[in-house]
Amino acid sequence: MTYTLDGETIKSINLIADDNIRKTGLLNMTLNIYENWFNMLR
């Protein structure tokens, strides 16, 4: 996607992610909660 103003390109953005995104499932949610608790209690 490209944003232009008066025919001049202001910003160009790639709408497809470069990195994989983990799906939020029960296991990932549980691991995330434990990781956050561990980081808070350190």
PDB file of N, CA and C in Angstrom:
ATOM      1  N   MET A   1       0.850  -1.160   0.000  1.00  0.00           N
ATOM      2  CA  MET A   1       0.000   0.000   0.000  1.00  0.00           C
ATOM      3  C   MET A   1       0.900   1.229   0.000  1.00  0.00           C
ATOM      4  N   THR A   2       0.595   2.164  -0.823  1.00  0.00           N
ATOM      5  CA  THR A   2       1.411   3.372  -0.943  1.00  0.00           C
ATOM      6  C   THR A   2       0.543   4.608  -0.696  1.00  0.00           C
ATOM      7  N   TYR A   3       1.018   5.479   0.174  1.00  0.00           N
ATOM      8  CA  TYR A   3       0.327   6.745   0.453  1.00  0.00           C
ATOM      9  C   TYR A   3       1.009   7.845  -0.349  1.00  0.00           C
ATOM     10  N   THR A   4       0.207   8.623  -1.068  1.00  0.00           N
ATOM     11  CA  THR A   4       0.760   9.714  -1.874  1.00  0.00           C
ATOM     12  C   THR A   4       0.060  11.025  -1.545  1.00  0.00           C
ATOM     13  N   LEU A   5       0.760  12.107  -1.776  1.00  0.00           N
ATOM     14  CA  LEU A   5       0.213  13.443  -1.604  1.00  0.00           C
ATOM     15  C   LEU A   5       0.698  14.282  -2.769  1.00  0.00           C
ATOM     16  N   ASP A   6      -0.227  14.781  -3.561  1.00  0.00           N
ATOM     17  CA  ASP A   6       0.093  15.579  -4.752  1.00  0.00           C
ATOM     18  C   ASP A   6       1.036  14.831  -5.700  1.00  0.00           C
ATOM     19  N   GLY A   7       0.819  13.527  -5.859  1.00  0.00           N
ATOM     20  CA  GLY A   7       1.625  12.732  -6.765  1.00  0.00           C
ATOM     21  C   GLY A   7       2.975  12.302  -6.223  1.00  0.00           C
ATOM     22  N   GLU A   8       3.315  12.702  -4.993  1.00  0.00           N
ATOM     23  CA  GLU A   8       4.591  12.332  -4.380  1.00  0.00           C
ATOM     24  C   GLU A   8       4.344  11.251  -3.334  1.00  0.00           C
ATOM     25  N   THR A   9       5.128  10.173  -3.377  1.00  0.00           N
ATOM     26  CA  THR A   9       4.979   9.069  -2.429  1.00  0.00           C
ATOM     27  C   THR A   9       5.453   9.508  -1.054  1.00  0.00           C
ATOM     28  N   ILE A  10       4.546   9.359  -0.070  1.00  0.00           N
ATOM     29  CA  ILE A  10       4.882   9.711   1.309  1.00  0.00           C
ATOM     30  C   ILE A  10       5.400   8.487   2.053  1.00  0.00           C
ATOM     31  N   LYS A  11       4.651   7.385   1.963  1.00  0.00           N
ATOM     32  CA  LYS A  11       5.007   6.174   2.701  1.00  0.00           C
ATOM     33  C   LYS A  11       4.508   4.965   1.942  1.00  0.00           C
ATOM     34  N   SER A  12       5.280   3.902   1.957  1.00  0.00           N
ATOM     35  CA  SER A  12       4.895   2.638   1.354  1.00  0.00           C
ATOM     36  C   SER A  12       4.930   1.564   2.432  1.00  0.00           C
ATOM     37  N   ILE A  13       3.865   0.772   2.555  1.00  0.00           N
ATOM     38  CA  ILE A  13       3.732  -0.216   3.620  1.00  0.00           C
ATOM     39  C   ILE A  13       3.428  -1.576   3.001  1.00  0.00           C
ATOM     40  N   ASN A  14       4.133  -2.605   3.456  1.00  0.00           N
ATOM     41  CA  ASN A  14       3.876  -3.973   3.036  1.00  0.00           C
ATOM     42  C   ASN A  14       2.799  -4.555   3.960  1.00  0.00           C
ATOM     43  N   LEU A  15       1.691  -5.004   3.405  1.00  0.00           N
ATOM     44  CA  LEU A  15       0.583  -5.509   4.212  1.00  0.00           C
ATOM     45  C   LEU A  15       0.732  -6.980   4.587  1.00  0.00           C
ATOM     46  N   ILE A  16       1.733  -7.657   4.044  1.00  0.00           N
ATOM     47  CA  ILE A  16       1.970  -9.062   4.368  1.00  0.00           C
ATOM     48  C   ILE A  16       3.086  -9.129   5.400  1.00  0.00           C
ATOM     49  N   ALA A  17       2.827  -9.838   6.497  1.00  0.00           N
ATOM     50  CA  ALA A  17       3.789  -9.921   7.593  1.00  0.00           C
ATOM     51  C   ALA A  17       5.017 -10.721   7.177  1.00  0.00           C
ATOM     52  N   ASP A  18       6.178 -10.300   7.648  1.00  0.00           N
ATOM     53  CA  ASP A  18       7.420 -11.014   7.388  1.00  0.00           C
ATOM     54  C   ASP A  18       7.624 -12.170   8.360  1.00  0.00           C
ATOM     55  N   ASP A  19       7.057 -12.059   9.560  1.00  0.00           N
ATOM     56  CA  ASP A  19       7.236 -13.072  10.597  1.00  0.00           C
ATOM     57  C   ASP A  19       5.959 -13.886  10.760  1.00  0.00           C
ATOM     58  N   ASN A  20       6.133 -15.138  11.215  1.00  0.00           N
ATOM     59  CA  ASN A  20       4.981 -15.976  11.516  1.00  0.00           C
ATOM     60  C   ASN A  20       4.364 -15.534  12.835  1.00  0.00           C
ATOM     61  N   ILE A  21       3.055 -15.651  12.939  1.00  0.00           N
ATOM     62  CA  ILE A  21       2.335 -15.276  14.144  1.00  0.00           C
ATOM     63  C   ILE A  21       1.734 -16.537  14.743  1.00  0.00           C
ATOM     64  N   ARG A  22       1.998 -16.756  16.038  1.00  0.00           N
ATOM     65  CA  ARG A  22       1.467 -17.948  16.697  1.00  0.00           C
ATOM     66  C   ARG A  22      -0.037 -17.825  16.872  1.00  0.00           C
ATOM     67  N   LYS A  23      -0.736 -18.933  16.657  1.00  0.00           N
ATOM     68  CA  LYS A  23      -2.165 -18.950  16.912  1.00  0.00           C
ATOM     69  C   LYS A  23      -2.387 -19.033  18.411  1.00  0.00           C
ATOM     70  N   THR A  24      -3.419 -18.362  18.896  1.00  0.00           N
ATOM     71  CA  THR A  24      -3.717 -18.389  20.312  1.00  0.00           C
ATOM     72  C   THR A  24      -4.576 -19.607  20.607  1.00  0.00           C
ATOM     73  N   GLY A  25      -3.961 -20.589  21.213  1.00  0.00           N
ATOM     74  CA  GLY A  25      -4.647 -21.802  21.631  1.00  0.00           C
ATOM     75  C   GLY A  25      -4.484 -21.943  23.127  1.00  0.00           C
ATOM     76  N   LEU A  26      -5.025 -22.988  23.673  1.00  0.00           N
ATOM     77  CA  LEU A  26      -4.957 -23.193  25.122  1.00  0.00           C
ATOM     78  C   LEU A  26      -3.511 -23.338  25.585  1.00  0.00           C
ATOM     79  N   LEU A  27      -2.714 -24.108  24.863  1.00  0.00           N
ATOM     80  CA  LEU A  27      -1.322 -24.308  25.265  1.00  0.00           C
ATOM     81  C   LEU A  27      -0.532 -23.005  25.184  1.00  0.00           C
ATOM     82  N   ASN A  28      -0.650 -22.279  24.086  1.00  0.00           N
ATOM     83  CA  ASN A  28       0.084 -21.017  23.940  1.00  0.00           C
ATOM     84  C   ASN A  28      -0.360 -19.990  24.973  1.00  0.00           C
ATOM     85  N   MET A  29      -1.667 -19.948  25.268  1.00  0.00           N
ATOM     86  CA  MET A  29      -2.170 -19.003  26.261  1.00  0.00           C
ATOM     87  C   MET A  29      -1.624 -19.342  27.645  1.00  0.00           C
ATOM     88  N   THR A  30      -1.599 -20.632  27.989  1.00  0.00           N
ATOM     89  CA  THR A  30      -1.097 -21.061  29.289  1.00  0.00           C
ATOM     90  C   THR A  30       0.391 -20.762  29.414  1.00  0.00           C
ATOM     91  N   LEU A  31       1.159 -21.059  28.379  1.00  0.00           N
ATOM     92  CA  LEU A  31       2.592 -20.763  28.408  1.00  0.00           C
ATOM     93  C   LEU A  31       2.846 -19.271  28.539  1.00  0.00           C
ATOM     94  N   ASN A  32       2.046 -18.459  27.867  1.00  0.00           N
ATOM     95  CA  ASN A  32       2.192 -17.009  27.950  1.00  0.00           C
ATOM     96  C   ASN A  32       1.899 -16.510  29.364  1.00  0.00           C
ATOM     97  N   ILE A  33       0.872 -17.050  29.995  1.00  0.00           N
ATOM     98  CA  ILE A  33       0.532 -16.645  31.370  1.00  0.00           C
ATOM     99  C   ILE A  33       1.663 -17.010  32.327  1.00  0.00           C
ATOM    100  N   TYR A  34       2.174 -18.249  32.223  1.00  0.00           N
ATOM    101  CA  TYR A  34       3.276 -18.657  33.103  1.00  0.00           C
ATOM    102  C   TYR A  34       4.521 -17.811  32.856  1.00  0.00           C
ATOM    103  N   GLU A  35       4.803 -17.502  31.607  1.00  0.00           N
ATOM    104  CA  GLU A  35       5.970 -16.669  31.292  1.00  0.00           C
ATOM    105  C   GLU A  35       5.824 -15.279  31.889  1.00  0.00           C
ATOM    106  N   ASN A  36       4.619 -14.695  31.793  1.00  0.00           N
ATOM    107  CA  ASN A  36       4.396 -13.365  32.363  1.00  0.00           C
ATOM    108  C   ASN A  36       4.508 -13.386  33.879  1.00  0.00           C
ATOM    109  N   TRP A  37       3.964 -14.413  34.547  1.00  0.00           N
ATOM    110  CA  TRP A  37       4.066 -14.517  35.999  1.00  0.00           C
ATOM    111  C   TRP A  37       5.525 -14.676  36.414  1.00  0.00           C
ATOM    112  N   PHE A  38       6.273 -15.514  35.678  1.00  0.00           N
ATOM    113  CA  PHE A  38       7.674 -15.715  36.009  1.00  0.00           C
ATOM    114  C   PHE A  38       8.451 -14.407  35.892  1.00  0.00           C
ATOM    115  N   ASN A  39       8.188 -13.633  34.841  1.00  0.00           N
ATOM    116  CA  ASN A  39       8.886 -12.358  34.650  1.00  0.00           C
ATOM    117  C   ASN A  39       8.510 -11.350  35.733  1.00  0.00           C
ATOM    118  N   MET A  40       7.267 -11.371  36.203  1.00  0.00           N
ATOM    119  CA  MET A  40       6.851 -10.427  37.249  1.00  0.00           C
ATOM    120  C   MET A  40       7.457 -10.778  38.591  1.00  0.00           C
ATOM    121  N   LEU A  41       7.639 -12.074  38.871  1.00  0.00           N
ATOM    122  CA  LEU A  41       8.109 -12.501  40.183  1.00  0.00           C
ATOM    123  C   LEU A  41       9.643 -12.542  40.299  1.00  0.00           C
ATOM    124  N   ARG A  42      10.344 -12.267  39.203  1.00  0.00           N
ATOM    125  CA  ARG A  42      11.809 -12.284  39.288  1.00  0.00           C
ATOM    126  C   ARG A  42      12.337 -11.140  40.071  1.00  0.00           C
TER     127      ARG A  42
END
